[in-house]
Amino acid sequence: MKRLFLTVVAVLSMTMTFAENENLNNTSNASAYNMAVNYDKLADCLGLSTDQAEAVQDIHTSFCADMMNAAGANADERNGMIKKAVEKDLKYMRYVLTENQYRKYLMLLNATFNNRGLEM
């Protein structure tokens, strides 16, 4: 009886450990997809006018929502959703930004994806 009780306790504790690690991985994965930025610093870095800053904020807010939707999707759908979100973001940014600003934005976005371990 004592062995049975110890076996049950061991199995339950191992199950709880695995479940805890899975929840931690999901949390860290979700935070990697959070693309929120400080828009004032982004505007300073890119040298945006007031109108450009407002447009960039609207476009990037939509991009953040798309990325959070991708974070909650299945793994097989996630890459496609990320690719669509990035393509949409870049298409709109290309319209708003000058060539030099767009190049800087691409470098920042690429660095952000690399630092978070995400694939574009």
C-alpha atoms as a PDB file:
ATOM      1  CA  MET A   1       0.000   0.000   0.000  1.00  0.00           C
ATOM      2  CA  LYS A   2       2.841   2.334   0.858  1.00  0.00           C
ATOM      3  CA  ARG A   3       4.506   1.670  -2.528  1.00  0.00           C
ATOM      4  CA  LEU A   4       1.263   2.372  -4.350  1.00  0.00           C
ATOM      5  CA  PHE A   5       0.845   5.679  -2.548  1.00  0.00           C
ATOM      6  CA  LEU A   6       4.445   6.735  -3.287  1.00  0.00           C
ATOM      7  CA  THR A   7       4.028   5.769  -6.948  1.00  0.00           C
ATOM      8  CA  VAL A   8       0.864   7.859  -7.268  1.00  0.00           C
ATOM      9  CA  VAL A   9       2.556  10.836  -5.600  1.00  0.00           C
ATOM     10  CA  ALA A  10       5.568  10.523  -7.913  1.00  0.00           C
ATOM     11  CA  VAL A  11       3.385  10.320 -11.034  1.00  0.00           C
ATOM     12  CA  LEU A  12       1.312  13.338  -9.979  1.00  0.00           C
ATOM     13  CA  SER A  13       4.382  15.434  -9.190  1.00  0.00           C
ATOM     14  CA  MET A  14       5.973  14.577 -12.565  1.00  0.00           C
ATOM     15  CA  THR A  15       2.739  15.455 -14.344  1.00  0.00           C
ATOM     16  CA  MET A  16       2.521  18.801 -12.579  1.00  0.00           C
ATOM     17  CA  THR A  17       6.162  19.565 -13.442  1.00  0.00           C
ATOM     18  CA  PHE A  18       5.599  18.887 -17.137  1.00  0.00           C
ATOM     19  CA  ALA A  19       2.392  20.930 -17.167  1.00  0.00           C
ATOM     20  CA  GLU A  20       4.158  23.838 -15.457  1.00  0.00           C
ATOM     21  CA  ASN A  21       6.983  23.806 -18.011  1.00  0.00           C
ATOM     22  CA  GLU A  22       4.474  23.743 -20.855  1.00  0.00           C
ATOM     23  CA  ASN A  23       2.676  26.805 -19.471  1.00  0.00           C
ATOM     24  CA  LEU A  24       5.995  28.648 -19.067  1.00  0.00           C
ATOM     25  CA  ASN A  25       6.913  27.866 -22.683  1.00  0.00           C
ATOM     26  CA  ASN A  26       3.550  29.127 -23.924  1.00  0.00           C
ATOM     27  CA  THR A  27       3.960  32.338 -21.944  1.00  0.00           C
ATOM     28  CA  SER A  28       7.460  32.988 -23.248  1.00  0.00           C
ATOM     29  CA  ASN A  29       6.342  32.205 -26.790  1.00  0.00           C
ATOM     30  CA  ALA A  30       3.433  34.633 -26.531  1.00  0.00           C
ATOM     31  CA  SER A  31       5.710  37.402 -25.275  1.00  0.00           C
ATOM     32  CA  ALA A  32       7.989  36.881 -28.302  1.00  0.00           C
ATOM     33  CA  TYR A  33       5.070  37.794 -30.575  1.00  0.00           C
ATOM     34  CA  ASN A  34       4.261  41.013 -28.715  1.00  0.00           C
ATOM     35  CA  MET A  35       5.555  43.665 -31.109  1.00  0.00           C
ATOM     36  CA  ALA A  36       4.530  46.728 -29.083  1.00  0.00           C
ATOM     37  CA  VAL A  37       7.066  49.557 -29.293  1.00  0.00           C
ATOM     38  CA  ASN A  38       7.554  53.037 -27.928  1.00  0.00           C
ATOM     39  CA  TYR A  39       6.208  55.087 -30.825  1.00  0.00           C
ATOM     40  CA  ASP A  40       8.000  58.272 -29.764  1.00  0.00           C
ATOM     41  CA  LYS A  41      11.371  56.528 -29.927  1.00  0.00           C
ATOM     42  CA  LEU A  42      10.460  54.890 -33.230  1.00  0.00           C
ATOM     43  CA  ALA A  43       9.488  58.286 -34.648  1.00  0.00           C
ATOM     44  CA  ASP A  44      12.784  59.786 -33.438  1.00  0.00           C
ATOM     45  CA  CYS A  45      14.812  56.918 -34.843  1.00  0.00           C
ATOM     46  CA  LEU A  46      13.143  57.075 -38.249  1.00  0.00           C
ATOM     47  CA  GLY A  47      12.864  60.879 -38.325  1.00  0.00           C
ATOM     48  CA  LEU A  48       9.105  60.859 -38.880  1.00  0.00           C
ATOM     49  CA  SER A  49       6.894  63.885 -39.408  1.00  0.00           C
ATOM     50  CA  THR A  50       3.759  64.212 -37.288  1.00  0.00           C
ATOM     51  CA  ASP A  51       1.532  62.806 -40.037  1.00  0.00           C
ATOM     52  CA  GLN A  52       3.910  59.938 -40.680  1.00  0.00           C
ATOM     53  CA  ALA A  53       4.110  59.158 -36.961  1.00  0.00           C
ATOM     54  CA  GLU A  54       0.320  58.867 -36.713  1.00  0.00           C
ATOM     55  CA  ALA A  55       0.132  56.649 -39.795  1.00  0.00           C
ATOM     56  CA  VAL A  56       3.001  54.447 -38.576  1.00  0.00           C
ATOM     57  CA  GLN A  57       1.320  54.059 -35.191  1.00  0.00           C
ATOM     58  CA  ASP A  58      -1.948  52.952 -36.824  1.00  0.00           C
ATOM     59  CA  ILE A  59      -0.169  50.518 -39.140  1.00  0.00           C
ATOM     60  CA  HIS A  60       1.975  49.086 -36.365  1.00  0.00           C
ATOM     61  CA  THR A  61      -1.012  48.670 -34.043  1.00  0.00           C
ATOM     62  CA  SER A  62      -2.661  46.539 -36.711  1.00  0.00           C
ATOM     63  CA  PHE A  63       0.586  44.589 -37.116  1.00  0.00           C
ATOM     64  CA  CYS A  64       0.743  43.954 -33.356  1.00  0.00           C
ATOM     65  CA  ALA A  65      -2.795  42.579 -33.404  1.00  0.00           C
ATOM     66  CA  ASP A  66      -1.957  40.300 -36.333  1.00  0.00           C
ATOM     67  CA  MET A  67       1.142  39.010 -34.538  1.00  0.00           C
ATOM     68  CA  MET A  68      -0.779  38.290 -31.332  1.00  0.00           C
ATOM     69  CA  ASN A  69      -3.340  36.376 -33.406  1.00  0.00           C
ATOM     70  CA  ALA A  70      -0.462  34.368 -34.861  1.00  0.00           C
ATOM     71  CA  ALA A  71       0.838  33.646 -31.354  1.00  0.00           C
ATOM     72  CA  GLY A  72      -2.457  31.993 -30.469  1.00  0.00           C
ATOM     73  CA  ALA A  73      -2.663  29.952 -33.669  1.00  0.00           C
ATOM     74  CA  ASN A  74      -1.587  26.364 -34.240  1.00  0.00           C
ATOM     75  CA  ALA A  75       2.075  25.841 -35.034  1.00  0.00           C
ATOM     76  CA  ASP A  76       1.371  24.765 -38.609  1.00  0.00           C
ATOM     77  CA  GLU A  77      -0.688  27.918 -39.301  1.00  0.00           C
ATOM     78  CA  ARG A  78       1.582  30.297 -37.400  1.00  0.00           C
ATOM     79  CA  ASN A  79       4.309  30.760 -40.034  1.00  0.00           C
ATOM     80  CA  GLY A  80       1.758  31.635 -42.714  1.00  0.00           C
ATOM     81  CA  MET A  81       0.046  34.122 -40.434  1.00  0.00           C
ATOM     82  CA  ILE A  82       3.358  35.761 -39.538  1.00  0.00           C
ATOM     83  CA  LYS A  83       4.344  36.001 -43.187  1.00  0.00           C
ATOM     84  CA  LYS A  84       1.011  37.637 -44.097  1.00  0.00           C
ATOM     85  CA  ALA A  85       1.250  40.063 -41.161  1.00  0.00           C
ATOM     86  CA  VAL A  86       4.787  41.107 -42.106  1.00  0.00           C
ATOM     87  CA  GLU A  87       3.912  41.489 -45.789  1.00  0.00           C
ATOM     88  CA  LYS A  88       0.886  43.648 -44.939  1.00  0.00           C
ATOM     89  CA  ASP A  89       2.919  45.763 -42.508  1.00  0.00           C
ATOM     90  CA  LEU A  90       5.723  46.304 -44.998  1.00  0.00           C
ATOM     91  CA  LYS A  91       3.325  47.137 -47.818  1.00  0.00           C
ATOM     92  CA  TYR A  92       1.672  49.883 -45.785  1.00  0.00           C
ATOM     93  CA  MET A  93       4.959  51.164 -44.354  1.00  0.00           C
ATOM     94  CA  ARG A  94       6.398  51.375 -47.866  1.00  0.00           C
ATOM     95  CA  TYR A  95       3.565  53.733 -48.765  1.00  0.00           C
ATOM     96  CA  VAL A  96       4.062  55.998 -45.718  1.00  0.00           C
ATOM     97  CA  LEU A  97       7.846  56.077 -45.293  1.00  0.00           C
ATOM     98  CA  THR A  98      10.580  57.501 -47.483  1.00  0.00           C
ATOM     99  CA  GLU A  99      13.194  55.139 -48.903  1.00  0.00           C
ATOM    100  CA  ASN A 100      15.737  55.847 -46.131  1.00  0.00           C
ATOM    101  CA  GLN A 101      13.098  55.578 -43.390  1.00  0.00           C
ATOM    102  CA  TYR A 102      11.812  52.335 -44.885  1.00  0.00           C
ATOM    103  CA  ARG A 103      15.342  50.888 -44.971  1.00  0.00           C
ATOM    104  CA  LYS A 104      15.848  51.766 -41.283  1.00  0.00           C
ATOM    105  CA  TYR A 105      12.452  50.285 -40.429  1.00  0.00           C
ATOM    106  CA  LEU A 106      13.391  47.041 -42.203  1.00  0.00           C
ATOM    107  CA  MET A 107      16.618  46.853 -40.202  1.00  0.00           C
ATOM    108  CA  LEU A 108      14.745  47.421 -36.933  1.00  0.00           C
ATOM    109  CA  LEU A 109      12.075  44.856 -37.769  1.00  0.00           C
ATOM    110  CA  ASN A 110      14.671  42.297 -38.835  1.00  0.00           C
ATOM    111  CA  ALA A 111      16.691  42.846 -35.644  1.00  0.00           C
ATOM    112  CA  THR A 112      13.531  42.484 -33.545  1.00  0.00           C
ATOM    113  CA  PHE A 113      12.627  39.197 -35.214  1.00  0.00           C
ATOM    114  CA  ASN A 114      16.183  37.866 -34.838  1.00  0.00           C
ATOM    115  CA  ASN A 115      16.401  38.866 -31.169  1.00  0.00           C
ATOM    116  CA  ARG A 116      13.135  37.130 -30.385  1.00  0.00           C
ATOM    117  CA  GLY A 117      13.998  33.990 -32.329  1.00  0.00           C
ATOM    118  CA  LEU A 118      11.149  34.378 -34.807  1.00  0.00           C
ATOM    119  CA  GLU A 119      11.338  33.526 -38.478  1.00  0.00           C
ATOM    120  CA  MET A 120      10.104  35.917 -41.149  1.00  0.00           C
END
